[in-house]
């Protein structure tokens, strides 16, 4: 893991397309601004993990559906 120190108004560049800016710092909260192409999904980690869990559950349900369908011989 790379750890960087930045002040309000400073930024971090990731590749050519993603820029993360420090918008403000208040107590233990940091506000980030993220500029990235529209085709890149950006989520808080807890939301991302929930999406991954829901996708895994949905794929299990599809697998179960295939198990009850008649098989071609």
C-alpha atoms as a PDB file:
ATOM      1  CA  UNK A   1       0.000   0.000   0.000  1.00  0.00           C
ATOM      2  CA  UNK A   2       1.278   3.435  -0.928  1.00  0.00           C
ATOM      3  CA  UNK A   3       0.664   6.050   1.771  1.00  0.00           C
ATOM      4  CA  UNK A   4       0.846   9.730   0.816  1.00  0.00           C
ATOM      5  CA  UNK A   5       0.360  12.939   2.760  1.00  0.00           C
ATOM      6  CA  UNK A   6      -1.654  15.671   1.075  1.00  0.00           C
ATOM      7  CA  UNK A   7      -3.096  19.005   2.195  1.00  0.00           C
ATOM      8  CA  UNK A   8      -6.421  20.576   1.277  1.00  0.00           C
ATOM      9  CA  UNK A   9      -6.337  21.593  -2.380  1.00  0.00           C
ATOM     10  CA  UNK A  10      -3.623  19.078  -3.284  1.00  0.00           C
ATOM     11  CA  UNK A  11      -4.237  16.030  -5.461  1.00  0.00           C
ATOM     12  CA  UNK A  12      -3.046  12.564  -6.383  1.00  0.00           C
ATOM     13  CA  UNK A  13      -2.903  11.431 -10.020  1.00  0.00           C
ATOM     14  CA  UNK A  14      -3.543   7.763 -10.888  1.00  0.00           C
ATOM     15  CA  UNK A  15      -2.532   6.977 -14.446  1.00  0.00           C
ATOM     16  CA  UNK A  16      -3.634   9.500 -17.045  1.00  0.00           C
ATOM     17  CA  UNK A  17      -7.345   9.426 -16.273  1.00  0.00           C
ATOM     18  CA  UNK A  18      -7.940   9.540 -12.508  1.00  0.00           C
ATOM     19  CA  UNK A  19      -7.308  12.449 -10.171  1.00  0.00           C
ATOM     20  CA  UNK A  20      -8.157  12.419  -6.466  1.00  0.00           C
ATOM     21  CA  UNK A  21      -8.242  15.837  -4.784  1.00  0.00           C
ATOM     22  CA  UNK A  22      -8.411  16.677  -1.083  1.00  0.00           C
ATOM     23  CA  UNK A  23     -11.414  18.994  -0.853  1.00  0.00           C
ATOM     24  CA  UNK A  24     -11.448  19.508   2.925  1.00  0.00           C
ATOM     25  CA  UNK A  25     -10.373  18.033   6.233  1.00  0.00           C
ATOM     26  CA  UNK A  26     -12.554  18.474   9.315  1.00  0.00           C
ATOM     27  CA  UNK A  27     -11.673  16.521  12.445  1.00  0.00           C
ATOM     28  CA  UNK A  28     -11.348  12.878  11.442  1.00  0.00           C
ATOM     29  CA  UNK A  29     -13.242  13.325   8.147  1.00  0.00           C
ATOM     30  CA  UNK A  30     -11.619  13.915   4.779  1.00  0.00           C
ATOM     31  CA  UNK A  31     -13.656  15.012   1.751  1.00  0.00           C
ATOM     32  CA  UNK A  32     -12.285  13.719  -1.527  1.00  0.00           C
ATOM     33  CA  UNK A  33     -13.052  14.872  -5.046  1.00  0.00           C
ATOM     34  CA  UNK A  34     -12.576  12.240  -7.728  1.00  0.00           C
ATOM     35  CA  UNK A  35     -12.252  12.984 -11.443  1.00  0.00           C
ATOM     36  CA  UNK A  36     -12.414   9.817 -13.534  1.00  0.00           C
ATOM     37  CA  UNK A  37     -13.883   8.702 -16.854  1.00  0.00           C
ATOM     38  CA  UNK A  38     -17.599   7.929 -16.753  1.00  0.00           C
ATOM     39  CA  UNK A  39     -16.960   4.264 -17.580  1.00  0.00           C
ATOM     40  CA  UNK A  40     -15.167   3.755 -14.240  1.00  0.00           C
ATOM     41  CA  UNK A  41     -17.450   2.865 -11.324  1.00  0.00           C
ATOM     42  CA  UNK A  42     -16.618   4.638  -8.066  1.00  0.00           C
ATOM     43  CA  UNK A  43     -18.186   3.441  -4.810  1.00  0.00           C
ATOM     44  CA  UNK A  44     -17.489   3.629  -1.111  1.00  0.00           C
ATOM     45  CA  UNK A  45     -15.900   0.304  -0.164  1.00  0.00           C
ATOM     46  CA  UNK A  46     -18.845  -0.857   1.968  1.00  0.00           C
ATOM     47  CA  UNK A  47     -21.199  -0.243  -0.978  1.00  0.00           C
ATOM     48  CA  UNK A  48     -18.833  -2.055  -3.361  1.00  0.00           C
ATOM     49  CA  UNK A  49     -18.672  -5.087  -1.047  1.00  0.00           C
ATOM     50  CA  UNK A  50     -22.479  -5.179  -0.786  1.00  0.00           C
ATOM     51  CA  UNK A  51     -22.760  -5.124  -4.588  1.00  0.00           C
ATOM     52  CA  UNK A  52     -20.243  -7.986  -4.832  1.00  0.00           C
ATOM     53  CA  UNK A  53     -22.183 -10.047  -2.264  1.00  0.00           C
ATOM     54  CA  UNK A  54     -25.481  -9.437  -4.070  1.00  0.00           C
ATOM     55  CA  UNK A  55     -23.939 -10.424  -7.411  1.00  0.00           C
ATOM     56  CA  UNK A  56     -22.529 -13.625  -5.902  1.00  0.00           C
ATOM     57  CA  UNK A  57     -25.926 -14.477  -4.400  1.00  0.00           C
ATOM     58  CA  UNK A  58     -27.696 -13.817  -7.712  1.00  0.00           C
ATOM     59  CA  UNK A  59     -25.261 -16.048  -9.560  1.00  0.00           C
ATOM     60  CA  UNK A  60     -25.901 -18.855  -7.022  1.00  0.00           C
ATOM     61  CA  UNK A  61     -29.629 -18.541  -7.715  1.00  0.00           C
ATOM     62  CA  UNK A  62     -29.018 -18.838 -11.473  1.00  0.00           C
ATOM     63  CA  UNK A  63     -26.799 -21.889 -10.891  1.00  0.00           C
ATOM     64  CA  UNK A  64     -29.568 -23.453  -8.766  1.00  0.00           C
ATOM     65  CA  UNK A  65     -32.085 -22.744 -11.540  1.00  0.00           C
ATOM     66  CA  UNK A  66     -29.894 -24.540 -14.067  1.00  0.00           C
ATOM     67  CA  UNK A  67     -29.760 -27.555 -11.735  1.00  0.00           C
ATOM     68  CA  UNK A  68     -33.561 -27.974 -11.759  1.00  0.00           C
ATOM     69  CA  UNK A  69     -34.032 -27.504 -15.510  1.00  0.00           C
ATOM     70  CA  UNK A  70     -34.324 -30.682 -17.586  1.00  0.00           C
ATOM     71  CA  UNK A  71     -31.021 -31.724 -19.123  1.00  0.00           C
ATOM     72  CA  UNK A  72     -30.633 -32.404 -22.833  1.00  0.00           C
ATOM     73  CA  UNK A  73     -29.514 -35.922 -23.662  1.00  0.00           C
END
